Amino acid sequence: MKKYTMLCAALCAAMVFTGCKSSESAYKQAYLKAKQQEELQQKQEAEAAAQRAAQEQENTVVVPMEEKAANQTQVVDNSDNVPVRQETVSVVAGQGLKNFSVVVGSFSLKANAEGLQQTLNNQGYNAQVVVNNQVNPAMYRVVATTFDTKGEAAASRNSLQEKYPGAWLLYAK
């Protein structure tokens, strides 16, 4: 009787273990279902992006250009393509500015500007210090030369750029 009991127990155990085995097709079905969901999500995202792009294109607004009367604009000679910066400045040290000036240094401290002015005066220039109070902090500009015409100022700037590479033209308002 013990033999039959053992044999039945072994047979039952074998049936239980073989019945729990998962099939490969179940894994394959789960993989295919996940893949389909992923493809559907990507397709929906692409459609949403296309709709957003179309919406943005519809909402693009072109602003018309503002026109001003000719008497409201100031024309500065720029025939030689030399850039000129316009600033409202006042003379701190020097004799006064003409229309176009060559600036060789800009400082936030007045003492530094006066030091460069002294160096330029020792080299034979009639250097001046001007201040632009419209910027914060106020900037002290060191003017090496000043002229009535832009062409003369541009020529002077070109010669000064060898010693002072950052030299630029200033049109004083």
N, C-alpha and C. Protein backbone atom coordinates (compact mmCIF):
# COMPACT_ATOMS: atom_id res chain seq x y z
N MET A 1 0.79 -1.16 0.00
CA MET A 1 0.00 0.00 0.00
C MET A 1 0.87 1.27 0.00
N LYS A 2 1.96 1.19 0.67
CA LYS A 2 2.87 2.33 0.68
C LYS A 2 3.38 2.62 -0.71
N LYS A 3 3.58 1.59 -1.48
CA LYS A 3 4.09 1.78 -2.83
C LYS A 3 3.08 2.54 -3.67
N TYR A 4 1.82 2.17 -3.52
CA TYR A 4 0.78 2.83 -4.31
C TYR A 4 0.63 4.29 -3.88
N THR A 5 0.73 4.58 -2.65
CA THR A 5 0.60 5.94 -2.14
C THR A 5 1.75 6.80 -2.68
N MET A 6 2.92 6.24 -2.63
CA MET A 6 4.09 6.96 -3.12
C MET A 6 3.98 7.20 -4.63
N LEU A 7 3.53 6.21 -5.33
CA LEU A 7 3.38 6.31 -6.77
C LEU A 7 2.32 7.35 -7.13
N CYS A 8 1.21 7.36 -6.40
CA CYS A 8 0.16 8.37 -6.64
C CYS A 8 0.65 9.76 -6.31
N ALA A 9 1.40 9.91 -5.22
CA ALA A 9 1.93 11.22 -4.85
C ALA A 9 2.89 11.72 -5.92
N ALA A 10 3.74 10.83 -6.43
CA ALA A 10 4.69 11.22 -7.47
C ALA A 10 3.98 11.61 -8.75
N LEU A 11 2.93 10.84 -9.09
CA LEU A 11 2.16 11.12 -10.29
C LEU A 11 1.43 12.46 -10.17
N CYS A 12 0.86 12.74 -9.01
CA CYS A 12 0.17 14.02 -8.78
C CYS A 12 1.16 15.18 -8.86
N ALA A 13 2.34 15.00 -8.26
CA ALA A 13 3.36 16.05 -8.29
C ALA A 13 3.79 16.33 -9.73
N ALA A 14 3.96 15.31 -10.53
CA ALA A 14 4.37 15.46 -11.92
C ALA A 14 3.31 16.22 -12.70
N MET A 15 2.04 15.90 -12.43
CA MET A 15 0.96 16.58 -13.14
C MET A 15 0.88 18.06 -12.74
N VAL A 16 1.12 18.33 -11.47
CA VAL A 16 1.06 19.72 -10.99
C VAL A 16 2.18 20.53 -11.62
N PHE A 17 3.39 19.99 -11.63
CA PHE A 17 4.52 20.75 -12.17
C PHE A 17 4.43 20.93 -13.68
N THR A 18 3.93 19.97 -14.41
CA THR A 18 3.80 20.13 -15.86
C THR A 18 2.64 21.03 -16.22
N GLY A 19 1.64 21.13 -15.39
CA GLY A 19 0.48 21.98 -15.66
C GLY A 19 0.77 23.46 -15.43
N CYS A 20 1.77 23.81 -14.61
CA CYS A 20 2.09 25.21 -14.29
C CYS A 20 3.01 25.84 -15.31
N LYS A 21 3.52 25.05 -16.19
CA LYS A 21 4.48 25.57 -17.16
C LYS A 21 3.78 26.58 -18.07
N SER A 22 4.37 27.82 -18.16
CA SER A 22 3.78 28.84 -19.03
C SER A 22 4.29 28.62 -20.45
N SER A 23 3.45 28.94 -21.37
CA SER A 23 3.80 28.68 -22.76
C SER A 23 4.50 29.90 -23.37
N GLU A 24 5.29 29.63 -24.35
CA GLU A 24 6.03 30.69 -25.05
C GLU A 24 5.08 31.62 -25.78
N SER A 25 3.96 31.10 -26.21
CA SER A 25 2.99 31.92 -26.94
C SER A 25 2.40 33.00 -26.05
N ALA A 26 2.27 32.76 -24.75
CA ALA A 26 1.75 33.79 -23.85
C ALA A 26 2.72 34.97 -23.78
N TYR A 27 4.03 34.70 -23.70
CA TYR A 27 5.04 35.77 -23.71
C TYR A 27 4.99 36.55 -25.02
N LYS A 28 4.87 35.83 -26.11
CA LYS A 28 4.83 36.46 -27.42
C LYS A 28 3.61 37.36 -27.55
N GLN A 29 2.47 36.94 -27.06
CA GLN A 29 1.25 37.75 -27.13
C GLN A 29 1.40 39.02 -26.29
N ALA A 30 1.98 38.90 -25.11
CA ALA A 30 2.18 40.07 -24.26
C ALA A 30 3.14 41.06 -24.93
N TYR A 31 4.21 40.55 -25.55
CA TYR A 31 5.18 41.41 -26.25
C TYR A 31 4.51 42.14 -27.41
N LEU A 32 3.74 41.44 -28.21
CA LEU A 32 3.08 42.06 -29.36
C LEU A 32 2.07 43.12 -28.92
N LYS A 33 1.36 42.86 -27.83
CA LYS A 33 0.40 43.83 -27.32
C LYS A 33 1.12 45.11 -26.86
N ALA A 34 2.24 44.97 -26.15
CA ALA A 34 3.01 46.12 -25.69
C ALA A 34 3.59 46.90 -26.87
N LYS A 35 4.03 46.18 -27.88
CA LYS A 35 4.59 46.82 -29.08
C LYS A 35 3.51 47.64 -29.79
N GLN A 36 2.31 47.10 -29.92
CA GLN A 36 1.21 47.81 -30.57
C GLN A 36 0.86 49.08 -29.80
N GLN A 37 0.83 49.00 -28.48
CA GLN A 37 0.53 50.17 -27.66
C GLN A 37 1.61 51.25 -27.84
N GLU A 38 2.86 50.84 -27.90
CA GLU A 38 3.96 51.78 -28.09
C GLU A 38 3.86 52.47 -29.45
N GLU A 39 3.58 51.73 -30.49
CA GLU A 39 3.43 52.30 -31.83
C GLU A 39 2.25 53.27 -31.89
N LEU A 40 1.16 52.92 -31.24
CA LEU A 40 -0.02 53.78 -31.20
C LEU A 40 0.29 55.09 -30.48
N GLN A 41 1.02 54.99 -29.38
CA GLN A 41 1.40 56.19 -28.62
C GLN A 41 2.31 57.10 -29.45
N GLN A 42 3.29 56.53 -30.15
CA GLN A 42 4.18 57.33 -31.01
C GLN A 42 3.40 58.01 -32.12
N LYS A 43 2.45 57.31 -32.70
CA LYS A 43 1.64 57.88 -33.77
C LYS A 43 0.80 59.04 -33.25
N GLN A 44 0.21 58.90 -32.05
CA GLN A 44 -0.58 59.97 -31.45
C GLN A 44 0.29 61.19 -31.13
N GLU A 45 1.50 60.96 -30.64
CA GLU A 45 2.42 62.07 -30.35
C GLU A 45 2.80 62.82 -31.63
N ALA A 46 3.05 62.09 -32.71
CA ALA A 46 3.40 62.72 -33.98
C ALA A 46 2.23 63.56 -34.51
N GLU A 47 1.03 63.05 -34.39
CA GLU A 47 -0.15 63.81 -34.83
C GLU A 47 -0.34 65.07 -33.99
N ALA A 48 -0.12 64.95 -32.68
CA ALA A 48 -0.26 66.11 -31.79
C ALA A 48 0.79 67.17 -32.13
N ALA A 49 2.02 66.75 -32.43
CA ALA A 49 3.07 67.69 -32.79
C ALA A 49 2.73 68.39 -34.10
N ALA A 50 2.17 67.66 -35.06
CA ALA A 50 1.79 68.26 -36.33
C ALA A 50 0.67 69.28 -36.13
N GLN A 51 -0.27 68.97 -35.25
CA GLN A 51 -1.36 69.91 -34.96
C GLN A 51 -0.83 71.17 -34.28
N ARG A 52 0.12 71.01 -33.33
CA ARG A 52 0.71 72.19 -32.66
C ARG A 52 1.45 73.06 -33.66
N ALA A 53 2.19 72.45 -34.59
CA ALA A 53 2.92 73.21 -35.60
C ALA A 53 1.95 73.97 -36.49
N ALA A 54 0.88 73.33 -36.88
CA ALA A 54 -0.11 74.00 -37.72
C ALA A 54 -0.77 75.15 -36.95
N GLN A 55 -1.05 74.95 -35.67
CA GLN A 55 -1.65 75.99 -34.83
C GLN A 55 -0.72 77.18 -34.69
N GLU A 56 0.58 76.92 -34.46
CA GLU A 56 1.56 78.01 -34.34
C GLU A 56 1.69 78.78 -35.64
N GLN A 57 1.63 78.07 -36.75
CA GLN A 57 1.74 78.73 -38.04
C GLN A 57 0.54 79.64 -38.28
N GLU A 58 -0.64 79.22 -37.83
CA GLU A 58 -1.84 80.04 -37.98
C GLU A 58 -1.78 81.27 -37.08
N ASN A 59 -1.15 81.13 -35.91
CA ASN A 59 -1.11 82.22 -34.93
C ASN A 59 0.03 83.20 -35.15
N THR A 60 0.87 83.00 -36.15
CA THR A 60 1.99 83.89 -36.41
C THR A 60 1.45 85.25 -36.86
N VAL A 61 1.92 86.29 -36.18
CA VAL A 61 1.46 87.65 -36.47
C VAL A 61 2.64 88.44 -37.03
N VAL A 62 2.42 89.11 -38.11
CA VAL A 62 3.43 89.96 -38.71
C VAL A 62 3.10 91.40 -38.33
N VAL A 63 4.05 92.04 -37.65
CA VAL A 63 3.84 93.41 -37.20
C VAL A 63 4.26 94.36 -38.32
N PRO A 64 3.43 95.31 -38.67
CA PRO A 64 3.82 96.24 -39.72
C PRO A 64 4.95 97.15 -39.25
N MET A 65 5.76 97.57 -40.18
CA MET A 65 6.89 98.43 -39.88
C MET A 65 6.39 99.83 -39.56
N GLU A 66 6.96 100.43 -38.52
CA GLU A 66 6.56 101.76 -38.12
C GLU A 66 7.27 102.78 -39.00
N GLU A 67 6.53 103.67 -39.55
CA GLU A 67 7.10 104.70 -40.41
C GLU A 67 7.21 106.01 -39.65
N LYS A 68 8.29 106.73 -39.93
CA LYS A 68 8.50 108.04 -39.32
C LYS A 68 8.68 109.06 -40.43
N ALA A 69 8.29 110.25 -40.12
CA ALA A 69 8.49 111.34 -41.08
C ALA A 69 9.99 111.63 -41.20
N ALA A 70 10.40 112.11 -42.35
CA ALA A 70 11.82 112.36 -42.60
C ALA A 70 12.39 113.42 -41.66
N ASN A 71 11.57 114.31 -41.16
CA ASN A 71 12.09 115.34 -40.27
C ASN A 71 12.28 114.83 -38.84
N GLN A 72 11.88 113.58 -38.54
CA GLN A 72 12.05 113.00 -37.21
C GLN A 72 13.30 112.14 -37.10
N THR A 73 14.01 111.95 -38.17
CA THR A 73 15.20 111.11 -38.12
C THR A 73 16.44 111.96 -38.30
N GLN A 74 17.54 111.49 -37.72
CA GLN A 74 18.80 112.21 -37.84
C GLN A 74 19.72 111.37 -38.71
N VAL A 75 20.26 111.96 -39.74
CA VAL A 75 21.11 111.25 -40.66
C VAL A 75 22.56 111.65 -40.38
N VAL A 76 23.39 110.65 -40.13
CA VAL A 76 24.81 110.87 -39.91
C VAL A 76 25.53 110.25 -41.09
N ASP A 77 26.49 110.96 -41.65
CA ASP A 77 27.23 110.48 -42.81
C ASP A 77 27.86 109.14 -42.50
N ASN A 78 27.57 108.14 -43.29
CA ASN A 78 28.15 106.81 -43.11
C ASN A 78 28.57 106.25 -44.47
N SER A 79 29.06 107.12 -45.33
CA SER A 79 29.40 106.70 -46.68
C SER A 79 30.61 105.79 -46.72
N ASP A 80 31.49 105.88 -45.72
CA ASP A 80 32.68 105.03 -45.74
C ASP A 80 32.52 103.77 -44.89
N ASN A 81 31.32 103.53 -44.38
CA ASN A 81 31.00 102.31 -43.62
C ASN A 81 31.77 102.17 -42.31
N VAL A 82 32.22 103.24 -41.74
CA VAL A 82 32.88 103.20 -40.44
C VAL A 82 31.81 103.37 -39.37
N PRO A 83 31.72 102.43 -38.42
CA PRO A 83 30.69 102.56 -37.40
C PRO A 83 30.95 103.73 -36.46
N VAL A 84 29.87 104.43 -36.12
CA VAL A 84 29.94 105.59 -35.24
C VAL A 84 28.91 105.39 -34.13
N ARG A 85 29.33 105.59 -32.89
CA ARG A 85 28.40 105.48 -31.76
C ARG A 85 27.98 106.87 -31.33
N GLN A 86 26.68 107.08 -31.16
CA GLN A 86 26.16 108.37 -30.70
C GLN A 86 25.91 108.31 -29.21
N GLU A 87 26.42 109.30 -28.49
CA GLU A 87 26.20 109.38 -27.06
C GLU A 87 26.07 110.84 -26.65
N THR A 88 25.33 111.06 -25.60
CA THR A 88 25.25 112.39 -25.01
C THR A 88 26.31 112.44 -23.92
N VAL A 89 27.33 113.27 -24.13
CA VAL A 89 28.45 113.35 -23.20
C VAL A 89 28.69 114.79 -22.80
N SER A 90 29.37 114.97 -21.68
CA SER A 90 29.79 116.30 -21.26
C SER A 90 31.28 116.25 -20.93
N VAL A 91 31.98 117.34 -21.22
CA VAL A 91 33.43 117.39 -21.05
C VAL A 91 33.76 117.52 -19.57
N VAL A 92 34.66 116.66 -19.09
CA VAL A 92 35.12 116.70 -17.71
C VAL A 92 36.47 117.40 -17.64
N ALA A 93 37.37 117.03 -18.56
CA ALA A 93 38.71 117.63 -18.59
C ALA A 93 39.12 117.76 -20.05
N GLY A 94 39.39 118.99 -20.50
CA GLY A 94 39.79 119.23 -21.88
C GLY A 94 39.16 120.49 -22.42
N GLN A 95 39.41 120.75 -23.71
CA GLN A 95 38.97 122.00 -24.32
C GLN A 95 37.60 121.93 -24.96
N GLY A 96 37.06 120.77 -25.23
CA GLY A 96 35.76 120.66 -25.89
C GLY A 96 35.84 119.77 -27.12
N LEU A 97 34.71 119.22 -27.48
CA LEU A 97 34.65 118.26 -28.58
C LEU A 97 34.11 118.91 -29.84
N LYS A 98 34.56 118.36 -30.96
CA LYS A 98 33.98 118.69 -32.26
C LYS A 98 32.98 117.58 -32.58
N ASN A 99 32.50 117.51 -33.83
CA ASN A 99 31.45 116.55 -34.19
C ASN A 99 31.86 115.09 -33.97
N PHE A 100 33.04 114.71 -34.44
CA PHE A 100 33.48 113.32 -34.40
C PHE A 100 34.76 113.22 -33.57
N SER A 101 34.78 112.26 -32.66
CA SER A 101 35.93 112.08 -31.78
C SER A 101 36.37 110.62 -31.79
N VAL A 102 37.65 110.40 -31.51
CA VAL A 102 38.20 109.05 -31.42
C VAL A 102 38.38 108.71 -29.95
N VAL A 103 37.62 107.71 -29.49
CA VAL A 103 37.70 107.27 -28.10
C VAL A 103 38.65 106.08 -28.03
N VAL A 104 39.65 106.19 -27.12
CA VAL A 104 40.64 105.11 -26.99
C VAL A 104 40.50 104.36 -25.67
N GLY A 105 39.65 104.84 -24.77
CA GLY A 105 39.46 104.13 -23.51
C GLY A 105 38.17 104.54 -22.84
N SER A 106 37.56 103.60 -22.12
CA SER A 106 36.33 103.85 -21.35
C SER A 106 36.52 103.27 -19.96
N PHE A 107 36.22 104.08 -18.96
CA PHE A 107 36.45 103.66 -17.58
C PHE A 107 35.25 104.05 -16.72
N SER A 108 35.01 103.26 -15.69
CA SER A 108 33.97 103.62 -14.73
C SER A 108 34.54 104.50 -13.62
N LEU A 109 35.87 104.55 -13.50
CA LEU A 109 36.52 105.40 -12.51
C LEU A 109 37.18 106.59 -13.21
N LYS A 110 36.90 107.77 -12.71
CA LYS A 110 37.43 109.00 -13.29
C LYS A 110 38.96 109.02 -13.23
N ALA A 111 39.54 108.52 -12.15
CA ALA A 111 41.01 108.53 -11.98
C ALA A 111 41.70 107.73 -13.07
N ASN A 112 41.12 106.60 -13.46
CA ASN A 112 41.72 105.79 -14.53
C ASN A 112 41.67 106.54 -15.86
N ALA A 113 40.57 107.21 -16.13
CA ALA A 113 40.44 107.99 -17.37
C ALA A 113 41.47 109.13 -17.39
N GLU A 114 41.62 109.81 -16.26
CA GLU A 114 42.59 110.91 -16.20
C GLU A 114 44.01 110.40 -16.36
N GLY A 115 44.32 109.19 -15.89
CA GLY A 115 45.65 108.60 -16.08
C GLY A 115 45.94 108.37 -17.55
N LEU A 116 44.98 107.83 -18.29
CA LEU A 116 45.17 107.61 -19.73
C LEU A 116 45.25 108.95 -20.46
N GLN A 117 44.49 109.93 -20.01
CA GLN A 117 44.56 111.27 -20.62
C GLN A 117 45.96 111.84 -20.46
N GLN A 118 46.54 111.69 -19.29
CA GLN A 118 47.90 112.20 -19.06
C GLN A 118 48.91 111.49 -19.95
N THR A 119 48.75 110.18 -20.10
CA THR A 119 49.65 109.41 -20.98
C THR A 119 49.56 109.92 -22.41
N LEU A 120 48.33 110.15 -22.90
CA LEU A 120 48.14 110.65 -24.27
C LEU A 120 48.70 112.06 -24.41
N ASN A 121 48.51 112.91 -23.41
CA ASN A 121 49.06 114.27 -23.47
C ASN A 121 50.58 114.23 -23.53
N ASN A 122 51.21 113.30 -22.82
CA ASN A 122 52.67 113.15 -22.87
C ASN A 122 53.15 112.67 -24.23
N GLN A 123 52.28 111.99 -24.97
CA GLN A 123 52.62 111.52 -26.31
C GLN A 123 52.34 112.57 -27.38
N GLY A 124 51.82 113.73 -27.00
CA GLY A 124 51.60 114.82 -27.94
C GLY A 124 50.16 114.99 -28.39
N TYR A 125 49.25 114.22 -27.86
CA TYR A 125 47.84 114.37 -28.21
C TYR A 125 47.20 115.41 -27.30
N ASN A 126 46.10 115.98 -27.78
CA ASN A 126 45.32 116.91 -26.97
C ASN A 126 44.12 116.13 -26.42
N ALA A 127 44.40 115.20 -25.50
CA ALA A 127 43.38 114.27 -25.00
C ALA A 127 42.41 114.97 -24.07
N GLN A 128 41.19 114.43 -24.04
CA GLN A 128 40.13 114.98 -23.20
C GLN A 128 39.39 113.83 -22.53
N VAL A 129 38.75 114.14 -21.42
CA VAL A 129 37.91 113.17 -20.72
C VAL A 129 36.48 113.69 -20.76
N VAL A 130 35.58 112.83 -21.22
CA VAL A 130 34.16 113.17 -21.24
C VAL A 130 33.42 112.09 -20.45
N VAL A 131 32.23 112.43 -19.97
CA VAL A 131 31.45 111.48 -19.20
C VAL A 131 30.08 111.28 -19.84
N ASN A 132 29.65 110.02 -19.85
CA ASN A 132 28.31 109.66 -20.31
C ASN A 132 27.53 109.25 -19.07
N ASN A 133 26.64 110.11 -18.61
CA ASN A 133 25.85 109.84 -17.41
C ASN A 133 24.58 109.06 -17.70
N GLN A 134 24.31 108.76 -18.97
CA GLN A 134 23.08 108.05 -19.32
C GLN A 134 23.18 106.54 -19.11
N VAL A 135 24.38 106.05 -18.82
CA VAL A 135 24.56 104.64 -18.53
C VAL A 135 24.85 104.50 -17.05
N ASN A 136 24.58 103.32 -16.51
CA ASN A 136 24.83 103.10 -15.10
C ASN A 136 25.79 101.94 -14.95
N PRO A 137 26.96 102.10 -14.41
CA PRO A 137 27.53 103.33 -13.85
C PRO A 137 27.97 104.27 -14.96
N ALA A 138 28.16 105.54 -14.60
CA ALA A 138 28.61 106.54 -15.57
C ALA A 138 29.96 106.10 -16.15
N MET A 139 30.11 106.31 -17.46
CA MET A 139 31.35 105.90 -18.13
C MET A 139 32.15 107.13 -18.52
N TYR A 140 33.42 107.12 -18.14
CA TYR A 140 34.34 108.19 -18.51
C TYR A 140 35.08 107.74 -19.76
N ARG A 141 34.91 108.51 -20.84
CA ARG A 141 35.53 108.20 -22.13
C ARG A 141 36.76 109.08 -22.31
N VAL A 142 37.85 108.47 -22.78
CA VAL A 142 39.07 109.22 -23.06
C VAL A 142 39.13 109.44 -24.55
N VAL A 143 39.07 110.71 -24.96
CA VAL A 143 39.09 111.10 -26.36
C VAL A 143 40.50 111.54 -26.71
N ALA A 144 41.11 110.86 -27.68
CA ALA A 144 42.47 111.21 -28.09
C ALA A 144 42.47 112.37 -29.07
N THR A 145 41.57 112.31 -30.05
CA THR A 145 41.50 113.36 -31.06
C THR A 145 40.04 113.66 -31.37
N THR A 146 39.78 114.86 -31.88
CA THR A 146 38.42 115.25 -32.22
C THR A 146 38.45 116.07 -33.52
N PHE A 147 37.45 115.84 -34.39
CA PHE A 147 37.44 116.45 -35.73
C PHE A 147 36.03 116.89 -36.11
N ASP A 148 35.97 117.76 -37.13
CA ASP A 148 34.69 118.21 -37.65
C ASP A 148 34.09 117.20 -38.63
N THR A 149 34.94 116.45 -39.34
CA THR A 149 34.44 115.51 -40.35
C THR A 149 34.71 114.07 -39.94
N LYS A 150 33.85 113.21 -40.42
CA LYS A 150 33.98 111.80 -40.10
C LYS A 150 35.20 111.18 -40.77
N GLY A 151 35.52 111.60 -41.95
CA GLY A 151 36.67 111.04 -42.67
C GLY A 151 37.98 111.27 -41.93
N GLU A 152 38.17 112.49 -41.42
CA GLU A 152 39.38 112.78 -40.65
C GLU A 152 39.42 111.95 -39.37
N ALA A 153 38.27 111.82 -38.71
CA ALA A 153 38.21 111.03 -37.48
C ALA A 153 38.50 109.56 -37.76
N ALA A 154 37.99 109.04 -38.86
CA ALA A 154 38.23 107.64 -39.22
C ALA A 154 39.70 107.39 -39.49
N ALA A 155 40.35 108.32 -40.19
CA ALA A 155 41.78 108.18 -40.47
C ALA A 155 42.59 108.20 -39.17
N SER A 156 42.22 109.09 -38.26
CA SER A 156 42.91 109.16 -36.97
C SER A 156 42.68 107.88 -36.16
N ARG A 157 41.45 107.38 -36.17
CA ARG A 157 41.16 106.13 -35.46
C ARG A 157 41.99 104.98 -36.01
N ASN A 158 42.13 104.91 -37.33
CA ASN A 158 42.91 103.84 -37.94
C ASN A 158 44.36 103.88 -37.50
N SER A 159 44.93 105.08 -37.37
CA SER A 159 46.32 105.17 -36.92
C SER A 159 46.45 104.88 -35.42
N LEU A 160 45.44 105.24 -34.65
CA LEU A 160 45.48 104.99 -33.20
C LEU A 160 45.21 103.53 -32.85
N GLN A 161 44.59 102.78 -33.74
CA GLN A 161 44.26 101.39 -33.43
C GLN A 161 45.48 100.50 -33.30
N GLU A 162 46.64 100.94 -33.78
CA GLU A 162 47.86 100.16 -33.59
C GLU A 162 48.22 100.12 -32.11
N LYS A 163 48.13 101.28 -31.42
CA LYS A 163 48.45 101.34 -29.99
C LYS A 163 47.23 101.02 -29.13
N TYR A 164 46.05 101.40 -29.60
CA TYR A 164 44.81 101.22 -28.84
C TYR A 164 43.81 100.46 -29.71
N PRO A 165 43.87 99.12 -29.71
CA PRO A 165 43.06 98.31 -30.63
C PRO A 165 41.55 98.49 -30.49
N GLY A 166 41.07 98.95 -29.36
CA GLY A 166 39.63 99.11 -29.18
C GLY A 166 39.12 100.49 -29.52
N ALA A 167 39.92 101.33 -30.20
CA ALA A 167 39.52 102.70 -30.52
C ALA A 167 38.25 102.71 -31.37
N TRP A 168 37.36 103.68 -31.09
CA TRP A 168 36.12 103.78 -31.84
C TRP A 168 35.71 105.24 -32.00
N LEU A 169 34.78 105.48 -32.92
CA LEU A 169 34.34 106.85 -33.22
C LEU A 169 33.10 107.19 -32.39
N LEU A 170 33.10 108.43 -31.89
CA LEU A 170 32.00 108.94 -31.10
C LEU A 170 31.43 110.17 -31.79
N TYR A 171 30.11 110.17 -31.97
CA TYR A 171 29.41 111.35 -32.45
C TYR A 171 28.71 111.94 -31.23
N ALA A 172 29.21 113.08 -30.77
CA ALA A 172 28.67 113.69 -29.54
C ALA A 172 27.40 114.44 -29.86
N LYS A 173 26.35 114.14 -29.15
CA LYS A 173 25.06 114.81 -29.34
C LYS A 173 25.09 116.17 -28.66
